[in-house]
Amino acid sequence: MGTRRRGRELALQMLYQYELAGTPPDAISASFEELEQAPPAAQEFAVRLVRGVVANLGEIDARIAAQADNWRLDRMAAVDRNVLRLALYELLYERETPPAVVIDEAVEIAKRFGSEKSGQFVNGVLDGALHRLTAMGA
């Protein structure tokens, strides 16, 4: 598994804990054993993603809500919601990764950590979000 994939998976687990327990990202990263065992580059990427998502959560959630027409955020599975947050953060703020790669990674992570339908759901929402971003010139 690549360093960035590992970082994304760690970030997902940290965001899940942040959402469930309300623990600040720095406190999570300080006590997250799996993060400590990861390569330094994966650790740094994971922490950067989590901090970025948390700092921009309002905008990211608004974009998810606008794209997922028939799904309220609080009705989505927590894994799906947090995979979407990570991917949208990358699409908006971490521009060095091609959008198709961000979406493919999100789908694979959703399949691994989510339900049977998570990959398809995440793909649909992110594909629509990318079209909106492209149409807006972002």
N, C-alpha and C. Protein backbone atom coordinates (compact mmCIF):
# COMPACT_ATOMS: atom_id res chain seq x y z
N MET A 1 0.85 -1.18 0.00
CA MET A 1 0.00 0.00 0.00
C MET A 1 0.89 1.24 0.00
N GLY A 2 0.51 2.22 -0.79
CA GLY A 2 1.29 3.44 -0.90
C GLY A 2 1.18 4.33 0.33
N THR A 3 2.13 5.22 0.45
CA THR A 3 2.18 6.14 1.58
C THR A 3 0.94 7.02 1.66
N ARG A 4 0.51 7.54 0.51
CA ARG A 4 -0.65 8.44 0.52
C ARG A 4 -1.94 7.68 0.84
N ARG A 5 -2.07 6.46 0.33
CA ARG A 5 -3.26 5.65 0.66
C ARG A 5 -3.27 5.39 2.16
N ARG A 6 -2.12 5.04 2.71
CA ARG A 6 -2.03 4.79 4.15
C ARG A 6 -2.41 6.05 4.92
N GLY A 7 -1.92 7.19 4.46
CA GLY A 7 -2.25 8.46 5.11
C GLY A 7 -3.74 8.76 5.07
N ARG A 8 -4.36 8.48 3.93
CA ARG A 8 -5.81 8.71 3.81
C ARG A 8 -6.59 7.79 4.74
N GLU A 9 -6.18 6.54 4.84
CA GLU A 9 -6.88 5.60 5.72
C GLU A 9 -6.73 6.02 7.19
N LEU A 10 -5.54 6.44 7.55
CA LEU A 10 -5.33 6.93 8.93
C LEU A 10 -6.16 8.18 9.18
N ALA A 11 -6.20 9.07 8.20
CA ALA A 11 -6.99 10.29 8.34
C ALA A 11 -8.47 9.96 8.52
N LEU A 12 -8.96 8.98 7.78
CA LEU A 12 -10.36 8.55 7.92
C LEU A 12 -10.63 8.09 9.34
N GLN A 13 -9.73 7.28 9.87
CA GLN A 13 -9.92 6.76 11.23
C GLN A 13 -9.88 7.91 12.25
N MET A 14 -9.02 8.86 12.03
CA MET A 14 -8.93 10.01 12.95
C MET A 14 -10.18 10.89 12.86
N LEU A 15 -10.67 11.12 11.65
CA LEU A 15 -11.89 11.92 11.50
C LEU A 15 -13.09 11.23 12.12
N TYR A 16 -13.14 9.92 11.98
CA TYR A 16 -14.22 9.14 12.58
C TYR A 16 -14.20 9.34 14.10
N GLN A 17 -13.01 9.26 14.69
CA GLN A 17 -12.88 9.47 16.13
C GLN A 17 -13.21 10.91 16.52
N TYR A 18 -12.79 11.84 15.70
CA TYR A 18 -13.10 13.26 15.94
C TYR A 18 -14.62 13.47 15.97
N GLU A 19 -15.30 12.88 15.00
CA GLU A 19 -16.74 13.05 14.91
C GLU A 19 -17.47 12.34 16.05
N LEU A 20 -17.04 11.13 16.37
CA LEU A 20 -17.70 10.35 17.40
C LEU A 20 -17.50 10.91 18.81
N ALA A 21 -16.26 11.25 19.12
CA ALA A 21 -15.93 11.65 20.49
C ALA A 21 -15.70 13.15 20.65
N GLY A 22 -15.56 13.87 19.54
CA GLY A 22 -15.29 15.30 19.63
C GLY A 22 -13.87 15.60 20.09
N THR A 23 -13.00 14.60 20.02
CA THR A 23 -11.61 14.79 20.45
C THR A 23 -10.88 15.67 19.43
N PRO A 24 -10.16 16.69 19.89
CA PRO A 24 -9.42 17.55 18.96
C PRO A 24 -8.40 16.75 18.16
N PRO A 25 -8.18 17.12 16.89
CA PRO A 25 -7.25 16.37 16.03
C PRO A 25 -5.86 16.17 16.64
N ASP A 26 -5.32 17.18 17.29
CA ASP A 26 -3.98 17.02 17.87
C ASP A 26 -3.96 16.00 18.99
N ALA A 27 -5.04 15.93 19.76
CA ALA A 27 -5.13 14.94 20.83
C ALA A 27 -5.26 13.53 20.25
N ILE A 28 -6.00 13.41 19.15
CA ILE A 28 -6.14 12.11 18.50
C ILE A 28 -4.79 11.65 17.98
N SER A 29 -4.09 12.54 17.27
CA SER A 29 -2.83 12.13 16.67
C SER A 29 -1.78 11.80 17.73
N ALA A 30 -1.87 12.43 18.89
CA ALA A 30 -0.90 12.17 19.96
C ALA A 30 -1.11 10.80 20.60
N SER A 31 -2.33 10.25 20.50
CA SER A 31 -2.61 8.98 21.19
C SER A 31 -3.00 7.85 20.23
N PHE A 32 -2.86 8.07 18.95
CA PHE A 32 -3.30 7.09 17.95
C PHE A 32 -2.11 6.19 17.60
N GLU A 33 -2.12 5.00 18.18
CA GLU A 33 -0.98 4.08 18.04
C GLU A 33 -0.70 3.71 16.59
N GLU A 34 -1.75 3.49 15.82
CA GLU A 34 -1.57 3.11 14.42
C GLU A 34 -0.86 4.22 13.63
N LEU A 35 -1.16 5.47 13.98
CA LEU A 35 -0.50 6.60 13.34
C LEU A 35 0.99 6.60 13.67
N GLU A 36 1.31 6.34 14.92
CA GLU A 36 2.72 6.33 15.35
C GLU A 36 3.52 5.25 14.65
N GLN A 37 2.87 4.16 14.25
CA GLN A 37 3.56 3.04 13.61
C GLN A 37 3.70 3.22 12.09
N ALA A 38 3.02 4.21 11.54
CA ALA A 38 3.06 4.44 10.10
C ALA A 38 4.35 5.17 9.72
N PRO A 39 4.73 5.08 8.45
CA PRO A 39 5.90 5.83 7.99
C PRO A 39 5.69 7.34 8.20
N PRO A 40 6.75 8.09 8.46
CA PRO A 40 6.62 9.53 8.71
C PRO A 40 5.84 10.29 7.63
N ALA A 41 6.05 9.96 6.37
CA ALA A 41 5.34 10.66 5.30
C ALA A 41 3.83 10.41 5.38
N ALA A 42 3.43 9.19 5.72
CA ALA A 42 2.01 8.86 5.87
C ALA A 42 1.43 9.59 7.08
N GLN A 43 2.20 9.66 8.16
CA GLN A 43 1.76 10.38 9.36
C GLN A 43 1.49 11.85 9.04
N GLU A 44 2.47 12.47 8.38
CA GLU A 44 2.35 13.90 8.06
C GLU A 44 1.16 14.16 7.15
N PHE A 45 0.98 13.32 6.13
CA PHE A 45 -0.13 13.49 5.21
C PHE A 45 -1.46 13.33 5.94
N ALA A 46 -1.57 12.31 6.78
CA ALA A 46 -2.81 12.06 7.53
C ALA A 46 -3.16 13.25 8.42
N VAL A 47 -2.20 13.74 9.15
CA VAL A 47 -2.45 14.86 10.07
C VAL A 47 -2.82 16.11 9.28
N ARG A 48 -2.14 16.34 8.15
CA ARG A 48 -2.46 17.51 7.32
C ARG A 48 -3.90 17.42 6.79
N LEU A 49 -4.29 16.23 6.35
CA LEU A 49 -5.66 16.04 5.85
C LEU A 49 -6.69 16.30 6.95
N VAL A 50 -6.47 15.73 8.12
CA VAL A 50 -7.43 15.88 9.21
C VAL A 50 -7.55 17.34 9.62
N ARG A 51 -6.43 18.00 9.80
CA ARG A 51 -6.47 19.42 10.17
C ARG A 51 -7.18 20.24 9.11
N GLY A 52 -6.92 19.93 7.85
CA GLY A 52 -7.56 20.66 6.75
C GLY A 52 -9.06 20.44 6.71
N VAL A 53 -9.49 19.20 6.88
CA VAL A 53 -10.93 18.91 6.88
C VAL A 53 -11.60 19.63 8.04
N VAL A 54 -11.03 19.54 9.23
CA VAL A 54 -11.64 20.16 10.40
C VAL A 54 -11.70 21.68 10.24
N ALA A 55 -10.64 22.27 9.71
CA ALA A 55 -10.60 23.73 9.53
C ALA A 55 -11.62 24.22 8.50
N ASN A 56 -11.98 23.35 7.55
CA ASN A 56 -12.89 23.75 6.46
C ASN A 56 -14.18 22.95 6.47
N LEU A 57 -14.53 22.42 7.63
CA LEU A 57 -15.66 21.50 7.73
C LEU A 57 -16.98 22.11 7.25
N GLY A 58 -17.24 23.36 7.59
CA GLY A 58 -18.49 24.00 7.18
C GLY A 58 -18.65 24.03 5.67
N GLU A 59 -17.61 24.48 4.98
CA GLU A 59 -17.66 24.56 3.52
C GLU A 59 -17.76 23.17 2.90
N ILE A 60 -16.96 22.24 3.41
CA ILE A 60 -16.96 20.88 2.87
C ILE A 60 -18.33 20.22 3.05
N ASP A 61 -18.89 20.33 4.24
CA ASP A 61 -20.22 19.74 4.49
C ASP A 61 -21.30 20.39 3.63
N ALA A 62 -21.20 21.69 3.42
CA ALA A 62 -22.18 22.37 2.57
C ALA A 62 -22.10 21.84 1.13
N ARG A 63 -20.89 21.60 0.66
CA ARG A 63 -20.73 21.06 -0.70
C ARG A 63 -21.26 19.63 -0.80
N ILE A 64 -21.03 18.83 0.24
CA ILE A 64 -21.56 17.46 0.25
C ILE A 64 -23.08 17.51 0.25
N ALA A 65 -23.65 18.34 1.11
CA ALA A 65 -25.11 18.46 1.20
C ALA A 65 -25.71 18.92 -0.12
N ALA A 66 -25.05 19.84 -0.80
CA ALA A 66 -25.56 20.34 -2.08
C ALA A 66 -25.52 19.25 -3.15
N GLN A 67 -24.55 18.37 -3.06
CA GLN A 67 -24.38 17.34 -4.08
C GLN A 67 -25.22 16.10 -3.80
N ALA A 68 -25.38 15.74 -2.55
CA ALA A 68 -26.11 14.53 -2.19
C ALA A 68 -27.57 14.89 -1.95
N ASP A 69 -28.27 15.16 -3.03
CA ASP A 69 -29.62 15.71 -3.00
C ASP A 69 -30.56 15.04 -2.00
N ASN A 70 -30.66 13.74 -2.04
CA ASN A 70 -31.64 13.05 -1.22
C ASN A 70 -31.08 12.52 0.09
N TRP A 71 -29.89 12.96 0.45
CA TRP A 71 -29.23 12.47 1.66
C TRP A 71 -28.84 13.63 2.56
N ARG A 72 -29.39 13.67 3.75
CA ARG A 72 -28.90 14.63 4.75
C ARG A 72 -27.60 14.09 5.31
N LEU A 73 -26.70 14.98 5.65
CA LEU A 73 -25.40 14.57 6.19
C LEU A 73 -25.54 13.64 7.38
N ASP A 74 -26.44 13.98 8.29
CA ASP A 74 -26.59 13.17 9.51
C ASP A 74 -27.22 11.80 9.24
N ARG A 75 -27.75 11.60 8.05
CA ARG A 75 -28.32 10.30 7.70
C ARG A 75 -27.33 9.39 6.97
N MET A 76 -26.22 9.96 6.52
CA MET A 76 -25.20 9.18 5.84
C MET A 76 -24.45 8.33 6.86
N ALA A 77 -23.94 7.21 6.40
CA ALA A 77 -23.07 6.41 7.26
C ALA A 77 -21.83 7.25 7.60
N ALA A 78 -21.38 7.14 8.82
CA ALA A 78 -20.24 7.96 9.28
C ALA A 78 -19.00 7.74 8.41
N VAL A 79 -18.75 6.51 8.01
CA VAL A 79 -17.59 6.23 7.16
C VAL A 79 -17.74 6.95 5.83
N ASP A 80 -18.90 6.83 5.20
CA ASP A 80 -19.13 7.47 3.91
C ASP A 80 -18.97 8.99 4.02
N ARG A 81 -19.57 9.56 5.03
CA ARG A 81 -19.51 11.00 5.25
C ARG A 81 -18.05 11.48 5.39
N ASN A 82 -17.27 10.75 6.15
CA ASN A 82 -15.88 11.16 6.38
C ASN A 82 -14.98 10.87 5.19
N VAL A 83 -15.26 9.84 4.42
CA VAL A 83 -14.52 9.62 3.17
C VAL A 83 -14.82 10.77 2.21
N LEU A 84 -16.07 11.17 2.13
CA LEU A 84 -16.44 12.30 1.27
C LEU A 84 -15.74 13.58 1.72
N ARG A 85 -15.69 13.81 3.02
CA ARG A 85 -15.01 15.00 3.54
C ARG A 85 -13.54 15.02 3.14
N LEU A 86 -12.88 13.89 3.33
CA LEU A 86 -11.46 13.81 2.98
C LEU A 86 -11.25 14.08 1.50
N ALA A 87 -12.03 13.43 0.66
CA ALA A 87 -11.85 13.58 -0.79
C ALA A 87 -12.17 15.00 -1.24
N LEU A 88 -13.23 15.58 -0.71
CA LEU A 88 -13.55 16.96 -1.10
C LEU A 88 -12.47 17.93 -0.63
N TYR A 89 -11.94 17.70 0.55
CA TYR A 89 -10.83 18.54 1.00
C TYR A 89 -9.68 18.46 0.00
N GLU A 90 -9.35 17.26 -0.41
CA GLU A 90 -8.25 17.10 -1.38
C GLU A 90 -8.58 17.77 -2.71
N LEU A 91 -9.80 17.61 -3.18
CA LEU A 91 -10.18 18.23 -4.46
C LEU A 91 -10.13 19.75 -4.39
N LEU A 92 -10.47 20.31 -3.24
CA LEU A 92 -10.51 21.76 -3.10
C LEU A 92 -9.16 22.37 -2.73
N TYR A 93 -8.40 21.70 -1.89
CA TYR A 93 -7.23 22.35 -1.28
C TYR A 93 -5.89 21.66 -1.53
N GLU A 94 -5.90 20.40 -1.89
CA GLU A 94 -4.64 19.67 -2.10
C GLU A 94 -4.55 19.36 -3.60
N ARG A 95 -4.31 20.36 -4.36
CA ARG A 95 -4.45 20.27 -5.81
C ARG A 95 -3.37 19.46 -6.54
N GLU A 96 -2.32 18.98 -5.83
CA GLU A 96 -1.26 18.26 -6.54
C GLU A 96 -1.69 16.86 -6.98
N THR A 97 -2.74 16.32 -6.38
CA THR A 97 -3.22 15.00 -6.77
C THR A 97 -4.32 15.16 -7.81
N PRO A 98 -4.20 14.49 -8.96
CA PRO A 98 -5.25 14.59 -9.99
C PRO A 98 -6.62 14.19 -9.42
N PRO A 99 -7.68 14.89 -9.80
CA PRO A 99 -9.02 14.58 -9.28
C PRO A 99 -9.43 13.12 -9.46
N ALA A 100 -9.10 12.52 -10.60
CA ALA A 100 -9.49 11.12 -10.83
C ALA A 100 -8.82 10.20 -9.80
N VAL A 101 -7.60 10.52 -9.42
CA VAL A 101 -6.89 9.72 -8.42
C VAL A 101 -7.56 9.89 -7.05
N VAL A 102 -7.90 11.12 -6.71
CA VAL A 102 -8.58 11.39 -5.42
C VAL A 102 -9.87 10.59 -5.34
N ILE A 103 -10.65 10.61 -6.41
CA ILE A 103 -11.93 9.89 -6.41
C ILE A 103 -11.71 8.38 -6.34
N ASP A 104 -10.77 7.87 -7.13
CA ASP A 104 -10.49 6.43 -7.10
C ASP A 104 -10.06 5.99 -5.70
N GLU A 105 -9.18 6.77 -5.08
CA GLU A 105 -8.72 6.44 -3.72
C GLU A 105 -9.90 6.44 -2.75
N ALA A 106 -10.76 7.45 -2.84
CA ALA A 106 -11.92 7.55 -1.94
C ALA A 106 -12.84 6.34 -2.11
N VAL A 107 -13.07 5.94 -3.34
CA VAL A 107 -13.94 4.79 -3.61
C VAL A 107 -13.34 3.52 -3.01
N GLU A 108 -12.04 3.31 -3.20
CA GLU A 108 -11.38 2.12 -2.66
C GLU A 108 -11.43 2.11 -1.12
N ILE A 109 -11.19 3.26 -0.52
CA ILE A 109 -11.23 3.34 0.95
C ILE A 109 -12.65 3.13 1.46
N ALA A 110 -13.63 3.68 0.75
CA ALA A 110 -15.03 3.48 1.14
C ALA A 110 -15.41 2.00 1.06
N LYS A 111 -14.94 1.32 0.02
CA LYS A 111 -15.21 -0.12 -0.11
C LYS A 111 -14.58 -0.90 1.04
N ARG A 112 -13.38 -0.49 1.43
CA ARG A 112 -12.67 -1.22 2.48
C ARG A 112 -13.29 -1.00 3.86
N PHE A 113 -13.66 0.24 4.17
CA PHE A 113 -14.12 0.57 5.52
C PHE A 113 -15.63 0.70 5.64
N GLY A 114 -16.33 0.86 4.52
CA GLY A 114 -17.76 1.11 4.56
C GLY A 114 -18.58 -0.13 4.28
N SER A 115 -19.79 0.11 3.82
CA SER A 115 -20.72 -0.98 3.52
C SER A 115 -20.55 -1.44 2.07
N GLU A 116 -21.36 -2.37 1.70
CA GLU A 116 -21.33 -2.92 0.34
C GLU A 116 -21.59 -1.83 -0.71
N LYS A 117 -22.42 -0.86 -0.37
CA LYS A 117 -22.80 0.19 -1.33
C LYS A 117 -22.00 1.48 -1.18
N SER A 118 -21.07 1.52 -0.24
CA SER A 118 -20.33 2.75 0.03
C SER A 118 -19.53 3.24 -1.17
N GLY A 119 -18.86 2.33 -1.85
CA GLY A 119 -18.04 2.73 -2.99
C GLY A 119 -18.85 3.42 -4.07
N GLN A 120 -19.99 2.84 -4.38
CA GLN A 120 -20.87 3.40 -5.41
C GLN A 120 -21.42 4.76 -4.97
N PHE A 121 -21.82 4.87 -3.72
CA PHE A 121 -22.36 6.12 -3.20
C PHE A 121 -21.30 7.22 -3.24
N VAL A 122 -20.11 6.93 -2.73
CA VAL A 122 -19.02 7.90 -2.70
C VAL A 122 -18.64 8.33 -4.11
N ASN A 123 -18.57 7.37 -5.02
CA ASN A 123 -18.24 7.69 -6.41
C ASN A 123 -19.27 8.65 -7.01
N GLY A 124 -20.54 8.38 -6.80
CA GLY A 124 -21.58 9.23 -7.36
C GLY A 124 -21.53 10.65 -6.82
N VAL A 125 -21.38 10.79 -5.52
CA VAL A 125 -21.34 12.13 -4.91
C VAL A 125 -20.10 12.89 -5.38
N LEU A 126 -18.95 12.23 -5.37
CA LEU A 126 -17.70 12.91 -5.75
C LEU A 126 -17.66 13.25 -7.23
N ASP A 127 -18.19 12.37 -8.06
CA ASP A 127 -18.23 12.65 -9.49
C ASP A 127 -19.08 13.90 -9.75
N GLY A 128 -20.22 13.97 -9.09
CA GLY A 128 -21.07 15.15 -9.25
C GLY A 128 -20.40 16.41 -8.70
N ALA A 129 -19.75 16.28 -7.57
CA ALA A 129 -19.06 17.43 -6.98
C ALA A 129 -17.93 17.92 -7.89
N LEU A 130 -17.20 16.99 -8.50
CA LEU A 130 -16.13 17.37 -9.40
C LEU A 130 -16.70 18.11 -10.62
N HIS A 131 -17.82 17.63 -11.15
CA HIS A 131 -18.45 18.33 -12.29
C HIS A 131 -18.84 19.74 -11.90
N ARG A 132 -19.39 19.92 -10.70
CA ARG A 132 -19.76 21.26 -10.22
C ARG A 132 -18.54 22.15 -10.09
N LEU A 133 -17.47 21.60 -9.52
CA LEU A 133 -16.23 22.38 -9.37
C LEU A 133 -15.66 22.78 -10.72
N THR A 134 -15.68 21.86 -11.65
CA THR A 134 -15.16 22.13 -12.99
C THR A 134 -16.01 23.20 -13.68
N ALA A 135 -17.33 23.10 -13.54
CA ALA A 135 -18.22 24.08 -14.16
C ALA A 135 -18.02 25.47 -13.55
N MET A 136 -17.63 25.52 -12.26
CA MET A 136 -17.39 26.80 -11.60
C MET A 136 -15.98 27.33 -11.86
N GLY A 137 -15.18 26.52 -12.54
CA GLY A 137 -13.83 26.94 -12.84
C GLY A 137 -12.87 26.77 -11.67
N ALA A 138 -13.26 25.97 -10.70
CA ALA A 138 -12.40 25.78 -9.51
C ALA A 138 -11.36 24.71 -9.76
